[in-house]
Protein backbone atom coordinates (compact mmCIF):
# COMPACT_ATOMS: atom_id res chain seq x y z
CA MET A 1 7.78 17.27 15.62
CA ARG A 2 4.43 15.82 16.72
CA TRP A 3 2.29 18.13 14.54
CA SER A 4 4.45 17.38 11.54
CA LEU A 5 3.68 13.67 11.92
CA LEU A 6 0.15 13.99 10.51
CA PRO A 7 1.13 15.13 7.01
CA ILE A 8 3.99 12.62 7.01
CA ALA A 9 1.66 9.79 8.03
CA LEU A 10 -1.00 10.82 5.52
CA GLY A 11 1.56 11.14 2.76
CA LEU A 12 2.99 7.72 3.51
CA SER A 13 -0.48 6.16 3.54
CA MET A 14 -1.50 7.32 0.04
CA ASP A 15 -0.04 4.28 -1.74
CA ALA A 16 -1.79 2.07 0.81
CA LEU A 17 -5.03 3.95 0.17
CA ALA A 18 -4.84 3.36 -3.59
CA VAL A 19 -4.18 -0.36 -3.15
CA ALA A 20 -6.88 -0.62 -0.47
CA VAL A 21 -9.48 0.98 -2.74
CA ALA A 22 -8.50 -1.41 -5.53
CA GLU A 23 -8.78 -4.39 -3.17
CA GLY A 24 -12.11 -3.11 -1.88
CA VAL A 25 -13.46 -3.34 -5.41
CA VAL A 26 -12.47 -7.02 -5.59
CA ILE A 27 -13.58 -8.26 -2.16
CA LYS A 28 -17.02 -9.86 -2.31
CA LYS A 29 -17.04 -12.04 0.81
CA GLU A 30 -16.16 -11.28 4.43
CA LYS A 31 -15.72 -7.60 3.55
CA VAL A 32 -15.24 -6.20 7.04
CA ARG A 33 -12.89 -9.01 8.08
CA GLN A 34 -10.80 -8.62 4.94
CA ALA A 35 -10.77 -4.81 5.29
CA ILE A 36 -9.43 -5.13 8.84
CA ARG A 37 -6.89 -7.76 7.71
CA LEU A 38 -5.54 -5.55 4.93
CA ALA A 39 -5.50 -2.45 7.14
CA PHE A 40 -3.66 -4.38 9.86
CA TRP A 41 -0.91 -5.53 7.48
CA PHE A 42 -0.54 -2.17 5.74
CA GLY A 43 -0.50 -0.28 9.04
CA GLY A 44 1.89 -2.81 10.56
CA PHE A 45 4.37 -2.55 7.72
CA GLN A 46 4.11 1.25 7.69
CA ALA A 47 5.11 1.14 11.35
CA LEU A 48 7.84 -1.48 10.83
CA MET A 49 9.64 0.06 7.87
CA PRO A 50 10.63 3.32 9.62
CA VAL A 51 12.16 1.20 12.37
CA VAL A 52 14.21 -0.69 9.78
CA GLY A 53 15.29 2.62 8.22
CA TRP A 54 15.98 4.14 11.61
CA LEU A 55 18.17 1.21 12.63
CA ALA A 56 19.96 0.93 9.32
CA GLY A 57 20.79 4.61 9.04
CA GLN A 58 22.04 6.21 5.89
CA GLY A 59 23.85 3.18 4.44
CA LEU A 60 20.59 1.40 3.58
CA ARG A 61 19.01 4.55 2.19
CA VAL A 62 21.14 4.54 -0.96
CA TYR A 63 20.43 0.84 -1.55
CA VAL A 64 16.65 1.12 -1.07
CA ALA A 65 16.38 4.34 -3.05
CA HIS A 66 17.94 2.59 -6.05
CA LEU A 67 16.01 -0.70 -5.90
CA GLY A 68 12.86 0.33 -4.06
CA HIS A 69 11.29 1.93 -7.10
CA TRP A 70 11.97 -1.10 -9.28
CA ILE A 71 10.53 -3.42 -6.63
CA ALA A 72 7.42 -1.26 -6.23
CA PHE A 73 6.96 -1.06 -10.01
CA GLY A 74 7.29 -4.81 -10.46
CA LEU A 75 4.97 -5.76 -7.63
CA LEU A 76 2.27 -3.21 -8.42
CA THR A 77 2.36 -4.10 -12.11
CA ALA A 78 2.13 -7.82 -11.36
CA VAL A 79 -0.78 -7.42 -8.96
CA GLY A 80 -2.56 -5.01 -11.33
CA ALA A 81 -2.13 -7.36 -14.27
CA LYS A 82 -3.39 -10.26 -12.17
CA MET A 83 -6.50 -8.25 -11.26
CA ILE A 84 -7.19 -7.46 -14.92
CA VAL A 85 -6.77 -11.10 -15.98
CA GLU A 86 -8.98 -12.35 -13.15
CA ALA A 87 -11.66 -9.76 -13.93
CA SER A 88 -11.75 -10.83 -17.57
CA ARG A 89 -12.15 -14.50 -16.60
CA LEU A 90 -15.16 -13.96 -14.35
CA THR A 91 -18.71 -14.04 -15.53
CA PRO A 92 -20.91 -11.21 -14.21
CA GLY A 93 -22.04 -11.89 -10.67
CA GLU A 94 -19.51 -14.68 -10.08
CA PRO A 95 -18.15 -14.50 -6.51
CA ARG A 96 -14.47 -13.75 -5.89
CA GLU A 97 -12.10 -15.02 -3.29
CA SER A 98 -12.57 -13.47 0.13
CA GLY A 99 -9.28 -11.60 0.02
CA MET A 100 -5.66 -11.56 -1.04
CA ALA A 101 -3.48 -14.58 -0.53
CA LEU A 102 -1.02 -14.01 2.29
CA PRO A 103 2.09 -13.85 0.05
CA THR A 104 0.45 -11.18 -2.11
CA LEU A 105 -0.67 -9.26 0.96
CA LEU A 106 2.85 -9.36 2.42
CA LEU A 107 4.45 -8.19 -0.83
CA LEU A 108 1.98 -5.34 -1.23
CA SER A 109 2.39 -4.37 2.42
CA MET A 110 6.12 -4.12 1.88
CA THR A 111 5.68 -2.28 -1.41
CA VAL A 112 3.38 0.44 -0.09
CA SER A 113 5.69 1.03 2.88
CA ILE A 114 9.05 1.37 1.13
CA ASP A 115 8.88 5.17 1.41
CA ALA A 116 8.58 4.78 5.17
CA LEU A 117 12.14 3.44 5.19
CA ALA A 118 13.39 6.86 4.13
CA VAL A 119 11.36 8.48 6.90
CA GLY A 120 13.04 6.15 9.40
CA VAL A 121 16.46 7.06 8.04
CA SER A 122 15.59 10.76 8.33
CA LEU A 123 14.42 10.35 11.90
CA SER A 124 17.65 8.53 12.70
CA MET A 125 19.77 11.30 11.18
CA LEU A 126 17.78 13.90 13.15
CA HIS A 127 18.33 11.90 16.36
CA GLN A 128 14.57 11.62 16.89
CA ALA A 129 12.93 8.95 19.00
CA ILE A 130 11.11 6.38 16.89
CA LEU A 131 8.29 4.98 19.07
CA ILE A 132 5.72 7.77 18.76
CA PRO A 133 6.24 8.31 15.02
CA ILE A 134 5.86 4.62 14.18
CA LEU A 135 2.75 4.23 16.30
CA PHE A 136 1.22 7.30 14.71
CA ILE A 137 2.19 6.34 11.14
CA GLY A 138 0.92 2.78 11.65
CA CYS A 139 -2.41 3.91 13.12
CA VAL A 140 -3.03 6.52 10.41
CA THR A 141 -2.25 3.98 7.68
CA PHE A 142 -4.55 1.44 9.34
CA VAL A 143 -7.46 3.88 9.34
CA VAL A 144 -6.76 5.16 5.81
CA SER A 145 -6.49 1.60 4.46
CA LEU A 146 -9.66 0.49 6.22
CA VAL A 147 -11.58 3.43 4.78
CA GLY A 148 -10.02 2.76 1.36
CA VAL A 149 -11.27 -0.84 1.28
CA LEU A 150 -14.76 0.31 2.25
CA ILE A 151 -14.74 3.03 -0.43
CA GLY A 152 -13.59 0.48 -2.99
CA ASP A 153 -16.39 -1.86 -1.91
CA ARG A 154 -18.96 0.88 -2.49
CA LEU A 155 -17.50 1.71 -5.89
CA GLY A 156 -17.44 -1.97 -6.82
CA THR A 157 -21.12 -2.34 -5.91
CA VAL A 158 -22.03 0.61 -8.13
CA PHE A 159 -19.80 -0.16 -11.12
CA GLY A 160 -19.43 -3.94 -10.91
CA GLY A 161 -16.65 -5.90 -12.64
CA LYS A 162 -15.60 -3.01 -14.88
CA LEU A 163 -14.09 -1.31 -11.88
CA GLU A 164 -11.86 -4.33 -11.21
CA VAL A 165 -10.15 -3.76 -14.55
CA ILE A 166 -9.86 -0.05 -13.79
CA ALA A 167 -8.44 -0.86 -10.34
CA GLY A 168 -5.83 -3.11 -11.96
CA LEU A 169 -4.93 -0.38 -14.41
CA ILE A 170 -4.63 2.09 -11.52
CA LEU A 171 -2.17 -0.20 -9.73
CA ILE A 172 -0.11 -0.53 -12.91
CA GLY A 173 -0.27 3.27 -13.30
CA ILE A 174 0.96 3.78 -9.74
CA GLY A 175 3.84 1.41 -10.48
CA LEU A 176 4.71 3.38 -13.61
CA VAL A 177 4.59 6.69 -11.75
CA VAL A 178 6.89 5.33 -9.04
CA LEU A 179 9.33 4.08 -11.68
CA LEU A 180 9.22 7.31 -13.74
CA GLU A 181 9.77 9.44 -10.64
CA HIS A 182 12.89 7.40 -9.97
CA LEU A 183 14.17 7.41 -13.55
CA LEU A 184 13.45 11.09 -14.22
CA GLY A 185 14.73 12.26 -10.88
């Protein structure tokens, strides 16, 4: 089971990576502090959600599978649209806020970790212990998110404000993909 945790953790962290790169494009002040803040929340929620799934068992799985995609679509689309609007309002070189507002960060943390609920349910059904998997998943997501913010920062420096619009479109695209995967089975 331990070797199979790496691909699971990496797979779960891909949504967090995409959002982290997009946020890295936007952050202009306190970059390292904000990167660590985002990585902490994303990693923390990736570790928390399997516990929720593990404790809830199969009953919650059906509920989350039905609504989780709609929630992810709505939140990613809203945040992406907000990024596009904010990017169009800024003049070139105008500084941005130093990071996401806490409510936005919490919602995105929850959104990127919804899939981890299913992993928790699976671990519960397989009668697996939960401590090592959640620590591993949380740590991998922390590192992946931290690197994602730093990559986004580099891309933002090279491409400027245009990349903020692209990052917003990417978040909306991720939301659409999540929704289409759900609707098309």
